[in-house]
C-alpha atoms as a PDB file:
ATOM      1  CA  MET A   1      -7.069  -7.819   8.042  1.00  0.00           C
ATOM      2  CA  HIS A   2      -5.649 -11.281   8.302  1.00  0.00           C
ATOM      3  CA  PHE A   3      -4.636 -13.869   5.738  1.00  0.00           C
ATOM      4  CA  THR A   4      -4.437 -17.599   5.336  1.00  0.00           C
ATOM      5  CA  LEU A   5      -1.529 -19.333   3.654  1.00  0.00           C
ATOM      6  CA  ARG A   6      -1.536 -22.711   1.944  1.00  0.00           C
ATOM      7  CA  ILE A   7       1.456 -24.182   0.160  1.00  0.00           C
ATOM      8  CA  ASP A   8       0.930 -26.903  -2.440  1.00  0.00           C
ATOM      9  CA  GLY A   9       4.306 -28.054  -3.703  1.00  0.00           C
ATOM     10  CA  THR A  10       5.823 -25.057  -5.471  1.00  0.00           C
ATOM     11  CA  THR A  11       2.690 -22.878  -5.283  1.00  0.00           C
ATOM     12  CA  ALA A  12       1.705 -20.672  -2.361  1.00  0.00           C
ATOM     13  CA  HIS A  13      -1.902 -19.483  -2.049  1.00  0.00           C
ATOM     14  CA  VAL A  14      -2.391 -16.404   0.125  1.00  0.00           C
ATOM     15  CA  THR A  15      -6.023 -15.574   0.842  1.00  0.00           C
ATOM     16  CA  VAL A  16      -6.476 -12.048   2.145  1.00  0.00           C
ATOM     17  CA  HIS A  17      -9.380 -11.468   4.531  1.00  0.00           C
ATOM     18  CA  GLY A  18     -10.013  -7.734   4.725  1.00  0.00           C
ATOM     19  CA  ASP A  19      -8.831  -4.545   3.087  1.00  0.00           C
ATOM     20  CA  ILE A  20      -5.448  -4.066   1.457  1.00  0.00           C
ATOM     21  CA  ASP A  21      -4.054  -0.652   2.345  1.00  0.00           C
ATOM     22  CA  TYR A  22      -0.853   0.891   3.666  1.00  0.00           C
ATOM     23  CA  ALA A  23      -1.594  -0.392   7.174  1.00  0.00           C
ATOM     24  CA  THR A  24      -1.794  -4.004   5.959  1.00  0.00           C
ATOM     25  CA  LEU A  25       0.882  -3.836   3.241  1.00  0.00           C
ATOM     26  CA  PRO A  26       3.860  -4.637   5.521  1.00  0.00           C
ATOM     27  CA  THR A  27       2.147  -7.797   6.799  1.00  0.00           C
ATOM     28  CA  LEU A  28       1.386  -9.017   3.278  1.00  0.00           C
ATOM     29  CA  ARG A  29       4.879  -8.203   2.031  1.00  0.00           C
ATOM     30  CA  ALA A  30       6.330 -10.116   4.982  1.00  0.00           C
ATOM     31  CA  ALA A  31       4.130 -13.113   4.151  1.00  0.00           C
ATOM     32  CA  ALA A  32       5.437 -13.166   0.581  1.00  0.00           C
ATOM     33  CA  ALA A  33       9.035 -12.596   1.653  1.00  0.00           C
ATOM     34  CA  GLY A  34       8.829 -15.422   4.201  1.00  0.00           C
ATOM     35  CA  LEU A  35       7.830 -18.091   1.702  1.00  0.00           C
ATOM     36  CA  PRO A  36      10.217 -21.018   1.319  1.00  0.00           C
ATOM     37  CA  PRO A  37      12.663 -20.798  -1.606  1.00  0.00           C
ATOM     38  CA  GLN A  38      11.061 -23.771  -3.387  1.00  0.00           C
ATOM     39  CA  VAL A  39       7.870 -21.728  -3.937  1.00  0.00           C
ATOM     40  CA  THR A  40       7.970 -20.534  -7.542  1.00  0.00           C
ATOM     41  CA  GLU A  41       4.372 -19.335  -7.870  1.00  0.00           C
ATOM     42  CA  LEU A  42       2.450 -16.989  -5.601  1.00  0.00           C
ATOM     43  CA  VAL A  43      -1.332 -16.788  -5.961  1.00  0.00           C
ATOM     44  CA  TRP A  44      -3.108 -13.944  -4.192  1.00  0.00           C
ATOM     45  CA  ASP A  45      -6.750 -14.904  -3.591  1.00  0.00           C
ATOM     46  CA  LEU A  46      -8.625 -11.633  -3.074  1.00  0.00           C
ATOM     47  CA  HIS A  47     -12.164 -12.948  -2.713  1.00  0.00           C
ATOM     48  CA  ASP A  48     -12.444 -11.513   0.803  1.00  0.00           C
ATOM     49  CA  ALA A  49     -10.492  -8.331   0.001  1.00  0.00           C
ATOM     50  CA  ARG A  50     -13.384  -6.092  -0.944  1.00  0.00           C
ATOM     51  CA  PHE A  51     -11.277  -2.903  -0.917  1.00  0.00           C
ATOM     52  CA  MET A  52      -7.754  -2.214  -2.119  1.00  0.00           C
ATOM     53  CA  ASP A  53      -5.996   1.142  -2.362  1.00  0.00           C
ATOM     54  CA  VAL A  54      -2.750   2.002  -4.129  1.00  0.00           C
ATOM     55  CA  ALA A  55      -0.885  -0.154  -1.591  1.00  0.00           C
ATOM     56  CA  GLY A  56      -2.374  -3.174  -3.344  1.00  0.00           C
ATOM     57  CA  LEU A  57      -0.839  -2.009  -6.607  1.00  0.00           C
ATOM     58  CA  HIS A  58       2.543  -1.858  -4.921  1.00  0.00           C
ATOM     59  CA  LEU A  59       2.034  -5.362  -3.563  1.00  0.00           C
ATOM     60  CA  LEU A  60       1.046  -6.853  -6.911  1.00  0.00           C
ATOM     61  CA  PHE A  61       3.311  -4.934  -9.294  1.00  0.00           C
ATOM     62  CA  GLU A  62       6.463  -4.209  -7.291  1.00  0.00           C
ATOM     63  CA  HIS A  63       9.736  -5.670  -8.420  1.00  0.00           C
ATOM     64  CA  HIS A  64      11.304  -7.938  -5.880  1.00  0.00           C
ATOM     65  CA  SER A  65      14.877  -7.878  -4.738  1.00  0.00           C
ATOM     66  CA  PRO A  66      17.345  -9.532  -7.122  1.00  0.00           C
ATOM     67  CA  GLN A  67      18.607 -11.622  -4.190  1.00  0.00           C
ATOM     68  CA  GLY A  68      15.149 -13.085  -3.550  1.00  0.00           C
ATOM     69  CA  PRO A  69      13.608 -15.950  -5.475  1.00  0.00           C
ATOM     70  CA  ARG A  70      11.775 -15.152  -8.688  1.00  0.00           C
ATOM     71  CA  ARG A  71       8.108 -16.077  -8.458  1.00  0.00           C
ATOM     72  CA  LYS A  72       5.277 -15.998 -10.916  1.00  0.00           C
ATOM     73  CA  THR A  73       2.569 -13.884  -9.255  1.00  0.00           C
ATOM     74  CA  THR A  74      -1.104 -14.178 -10.114  1.00  0.00           C
ATOM     75  CA  VAL A  75      -4.359 -12.894  -8.648  1.00  0.00           C
ATOM     76  CA  THR A  76      -7.672 -14.687  -8.432  1.00  0.00           C
ATOM     77  CA  ASN A  77     -11.207 -13.919  -7.271  1.00  0.00           C
ATOM     78  CA  LEU A  78     -11.020 -10.150  -7.585  1.00  0.00           C
ATOM     79  CA  ALA A  79     -13.931  -8.189  -6.149  1.00  0.00           C
ATOM     80  CA  PRO A  80     -15.256  -5.324  -8.309  1.00  0.00           C
ATOM     81  CA  GLN A  81     -13.393  -2.474  -6.557  1.00  0.00           C
ATOM     82  CA  PRO A  82      -9.897  -4.051  -6.647  1.00  0.00           C
ATOM     83  CA  LEU A  83     -10.468  -5.063 -10.272  1.00  0.00           C
ATOM     84  CA  ARG A  84     -11.490  -1.509 -11.157  1.00  0.00           C
ATOM     85  CA  LEU A  85      -8.347  -0.192  -9.450  1.00  0.00           C
ATOM     86  CA  LEU A  86      -6.155  -2.562 -11.504  1.00  0.00           C
ATOM     87  CA  LEU A  87      -7.894  -1.489 -14.698  1.00  0.00           C
ATOM     88  CA  LEU A  88      -7.457   2.197 -13.842  1.00  0.00           C
ATOM     89  CA  ALA A  89      -3.787   1.611 -13.088  1.00  0.00           C
ATOM     90  CA  THR A  90      -3.236   0.053 -16.506  1.00  0.00           C
ATOM     91  CA  GLU A  91      -5.130   2.900 -18.188  1.00  0.00           C
ATOM     92  CA  MET A  92      -2.843   5.395 -16.473  1.00  0.00           C
ATOM     93  CA  ASN A  93       0.284   3.324 -17.101  1.00  0.00           C
ATOM     94  CA  PRO A  94      -0.074   1.145 -20.220  1.00  0.00           C
ATOM     95  CA  ALA A  95       3.309  -0.469 -19.454  1.00  0.00           C
ATOM     96  CA  LEU A  96       1.615  -2.400 -16.633  1.00  0.00           C
ATOM     97  CA  GLU A  97       0.538  -5.778 -17.980  1.00  0.00           C
ATOM     98  CA  LEU A  98      -2.521  -7.431 -16.476  1.00  0.00           C
ATOM     99  CA  ALA A  99      -2.347 -10.616 -18.545  1.00  0.00           C
ATOM    100  CA  PRO A 100       0.460 -12.221 -16.481  1.00  0.00           C
ATOM    101  CA  LEU A 101      -1.198 -11.138 -13.232  1.00  0.00           C
ATOM    102  CA  LEU A 102      -4.682 -12.260 -14.278  1.00  0.00           C
ATOM    103  CA  PRO A 103      -4.052 -15.361 -16.388  1.00  0.00           C
ATOM    104  CA  ASP A 104      -7.760 -16.110 -16.832  1.00  0.00           C
ATOM    105  CA  THR A 105      -8.334 -12.712 -18.468  1.00  0.00           C
ATOM    106  CA  PRO A 106      -8.035 -12.552 -22.250  1.00  0.00           C
ATOM    107  CA  SER A 107      -5.275 -10.278 -23.499  1.00  0.00           C
ATOM    108  CA  SER A 108      -6.139  -7.247 -25.624  1.00  0.00           C
ATOM    109  CA  THR A 109      -4.893  -9.091 -28.734  1.00  0.00           C
ATOM    110  CA  GLN A 110      -7.224 -11.992 -27.973  1.00  0.00           C
ATOM    111  CA  LEU A 111     -10.124  -9.557 -27.601  1.00  0.00           C
ATOM    112  CA  ASP A 112      -9.333  -8.030 -31.009  1.00  0.00           C
ATOM    113  CA  ASP A 113      -9.529 -11.405 -32.787  1.00  0.00           C
END
């Protein structure tokens, strides 16, 4: 696994190339932790991440240190398997909210309308 990083103003785009698992989690966490303080939004592009295990859930849903900068985190270009994992996680734990993480996905209230 490797990743590419592009910073546009206050937004960082991290494109993951390869699987997200416990072997790659420390590298991805370090990439996020090493972003400059002016970055207020982190976009994970997972187009080339065809597989993600529970480590990916930790990466996307973990709460960051109170000393670190607060960043809006979103995910784009999910492959079918990582998307299914996110959906299963929210079925098992309804407190997990996908709408903030996947801003292009309608919320359940929008689907009910």
